[in-house]
Amino acid sequence: MSHKGRTPDEKFLIQLYKIASQKGDPFSSVLCGAVARALGQKETATKNIVKHLAQANFVEKLDEAAVVLTPRGMRFVLEELGMK
């Protein structure tokens, strides 16, 4: 059984989902810095990841510091985690 490696973007989405879900709603806003710290990523890398994920409509930027999953991002995460 081989386990597919995940890109930094995929890891960011999954961690965003986990942190938001811990708040009680997977569509809760989460600070980008919290996701970056949980993944051990640098802030600059995180800003680039968020920019690309927003362009692809996986997340929505609320401001420079916070993001939320979009329905498209949620579908992706659930498929990656085998929950859909």
C-alpha atoms as a PDB file:
ATOM      1  CA  MET A   1       0.000   0.000   0.000  1.00  0.00           C
ATOM      2  CA  SER A   2       1.626   3.242  -1.105  1.00  0.00           C
ATOM      3  CA  HIS A   3       0.835   6.552   0.532  1.00  0.00           C
ATOM      4  CA  LYS A   4       0.773   9.534  -1.783  1.00  0.00           C
ATOM      5  CA  GLY A   5       2.948  12.412  -0.638  1.00  0.00           C
ATOM      6  CA  ARG A   6       1.180  15.722  -0.222  1.00  0.00           C
ATOM      7  CA  THR A   7       2.223  19.088  -1.583  1.00  0.00           C
ATOM      8  CA  PRO A   8       2.612  22.054   0.793  1.00  0.00           C
ATOM      9  CA  ASP A   9      -0.665  23.431  -0.602  1.00  0.00           C
ATOM     10  CA  GLU A  10      -2.510  20.204   0.192  1.00  0.00           C
ATOM     11  CA  LYS A  11      -0.996  20.078   3.671  1.00  0.00           C
ATOM     12  CA  PHE A  12      -2.092  23.688   4.249  1.00  0.00           C
ATOM     13  CA  LEU A  13      -5.698  22.929   3.227  1.00  0.00           C
ATOM     14  CA  ILE A  14      -5.897  19.843   5.435  1.00  0.00           C
ATOM     15  CA  GLN A  15      -4.428  21.666   8.435  1.00  0.00           C
ATOM     16  CA  LEU A  16      -6.779  24.615   7.845  1.00  0.00           C
ATOM     17  CA  TYR A  17      -9.708  22.186   7.865  1.00  0.00           C
ATOM     18  CA  LYS A  18      -8.510  20.530  11.086  1.00  0.00           C
ATOM     19  CA  ILE A  19      -8.017  23.819  12.937  1.00  0.00           C
ATOM     20  CA  ALA A  20     -11.357  25.235  11.755  1.00  0.00           C
ATOM     21  CA  SER A  21     -13.147  21.993  12.676  1.00  0.00           C
ATOM     22  CA  GLN A  22     -11.712  22.170  16.202  1.00  0.00           C
ATOM     23  CA  LYS A  23     -13.505  25.534  16.501  1.00  0.00           C
ATOM     24  CA  GLY A  24     -16.770  23.705  15.781  1.00  0.00           C
ATOM     25  CA  ASP A  25     -17.267  24.762  12.141  1.00  0.00           C
ATOM     26  CA  PRO A  26     -14.999  23.753   9.245  1.00  0.00           C
ATOM     27  CA  PHE A  27     -15.874  27.056   7.572  1.00  0.00           C
ATOM     28  CA  SER A  28     -14.559  29.106  10.529  1.00  0.00           C
ATOM     29  CA  SER A  29     -11.936  31.725   9.836  1.00  0.00           C
ATOM     30  CA  VAL A  30      -8.401  30.742  10.801  1.00  0.00           C
ATOM     31  CA  LEU A  31      -5.266  32.829  11.056  1.00  0.00           C
ATOM     32  CA  CYS A  32      -2.715  31.859   8.420  1.00  0.00           C
ATOM     33  CA  GLY A  33       0.015  32.052  11.038  1.00  0.00           C
ATOM     34  CA  ALA A  34      -1.680  29.352  13.107  1.00  0.00           C
ATOM     35  CA  VAL A  35      -1.732  26.995  10.136  1.00  0.00           C
ATOM     36  CA  ALA A  36       1.879  27.819   9.279  1.00  0.00           C
ATOM     37  CA  ARG A  37       3.050  27.160  12.849  1.00  0.00           C
ATOM     38  CA  ALA A  38       1.192  23.839  12.959  1.00  0.00           C
ATOM     39  CA  LEU A  39       2.962  22.784   9.752  1.00  0.00           C
ATOM     40  CA  GLY A  40       6.345  24.289  10.559  1.00  0.00           C
ATOM     41  CA  GLN A  41       6.177  26.527   7.472  1.00  0.00           C
ATOM     42  CA  LYS A  42       7.688  29.956   7.084  1.00  0.00           C
ATOM     43  CA  GLU A  43       5.382  32.963   6.843  1.00  0.00           C
ATOM     44  CA  THR A  44       6.600  33.903   3.357  1.00  0.00           C
ATOM     45  CA  ALA A  45       5.879  30.418   2.024  1.00  0.00           C
ATOM     46  CA  THR A  46       2.449  30.514   3.634  1.00  0.00           C
ATOM     47  CA  LYS A  47       1.587  33.836   1.976  1.00  0.00           C
ATOM     48  CA  ASN A  48       2.428  32.352  -1.427  1.00  0.00           C
ATOM     49  CA  ILE A  49       0.416  29.213  -0.711  1.00  0.00           C
ATOM     50  CA  VAL A  50      -2.614  31.257   0.353  1.00  0.00           C
ATOM     51  CA  LYS A  51      -2.340  33.434  -2.756  1.00  0.00           C
ATOM     52  CA  HIS A  52      -2.378  30.383  -5.026  1.00  0.00           C
ATOM     53  CA  LEU A  53      -5.159  28.625  -3.116  1.00  0.00           C
ATOM     54  CA  ALA A  54      -7.294  31.774  -3.280  1.00  0.00           C
ATOM     55  CA  GLN A  55      -6.719  32.056  -7.035  1.00  0.00           C
ATOM     56  CA  ALA A  56      -7.829  28.428  -7.407  1.00  0.00           C
ATOM     57  CA  ASN A  57     -10.914  29.108  -5.238  1.00  0.00           C
ATOM     58  CA  PHE A  58      -9.953  26.679  -2.462  1.00  0.00           C
ATOM     59  CA  VAL A  59      -9.785  29.390   0.221  1.00  0.00           C
ATOM     60  CA  GLU A  60     -11.113  32.902   0.627  1.00  0.00           C
ATOM     61  CA  LYS A  61      -8.911  35.552   2.170  1.00  0.00           C
ATOM     62  CA  LEU A  62     -10.802  37.581   4.751  1.00  0.00           C
ATOM     63  CA  ASP A  63      -7.869  39.916   5.279  1.00  0.00           C
ATOM     64  CA  GLU A  64      -4.090  39.646   5.212  1.00  0.00           C
ATOM     65  CA  ALA A  65      -4.074  37.341   8.237  1.00  0.00           C
ATOM     66  CA  ALA A  66      -7.194  35.147   8.048  1.00  0.00           C
ATOM     67  CA  VAL A  67      -8.685  32.674   5.563  1.00  0.00           C
ATOM     68  CA  VAL A  68     -11.674  30.343   5.317  1.00  0.00           C
ATOM     69  CA  LEU A  69     -12.231  27.219   3.266  1.00  0.00           C
ATOM     70  CA  THR A  70     -14.564  27.545   0.296  1.00  0.00           C
ATOM     71  CA  PRO A  71     -17.016  24.749  -0.562  1.00  0.00           C
ATOM     72  CA  ARG A  72     -14.573  23.679  -3.295  1.00  0.00           C
ATOM     73  CA  GLY A  73     -11.731  23.548  -0.762  1.00  0.00           C
ATOM     74  CA  MET A  74     -13.899  21.538   1.609  1.00  0.00           C
ATOM     75  CA  ARG A  75     -14.703  18.959  -1.100  1.00  0.00           C
ATOM     76  CA  PHE A  76     -10.994  18.604  -1.868  1.00  0.00           C
ATOM     77  CA  VAL A  77     -10.056  18.081   1.782  1.00  0.00           C
ATOM     78  CA  LEU A  78     -12.789  15.526   2.369  1.00  0.00           C
ATOM     79  CA  GLU A  79     -11.680  13.572  -0.712  1.00  0.00           C
ATOM     80  CA  GLU A  80      -8.030  13.695   0.411  1.00  0.00           C
ATOM     81  CA  LEU A  81      -8.960  12.429   3.860  1.00  0.00           C
ATOM     82  CA  GLY A  82     -11.156   9.696   2.381  1.00  0.00           C
ATOM     83  CA  MET A  83     -14.270  11.085   4.033  1.00  0.00           C
ATOM     84  CA  LYS A  84     -16.262  11.532   0.854  1.00  0.00           C
END
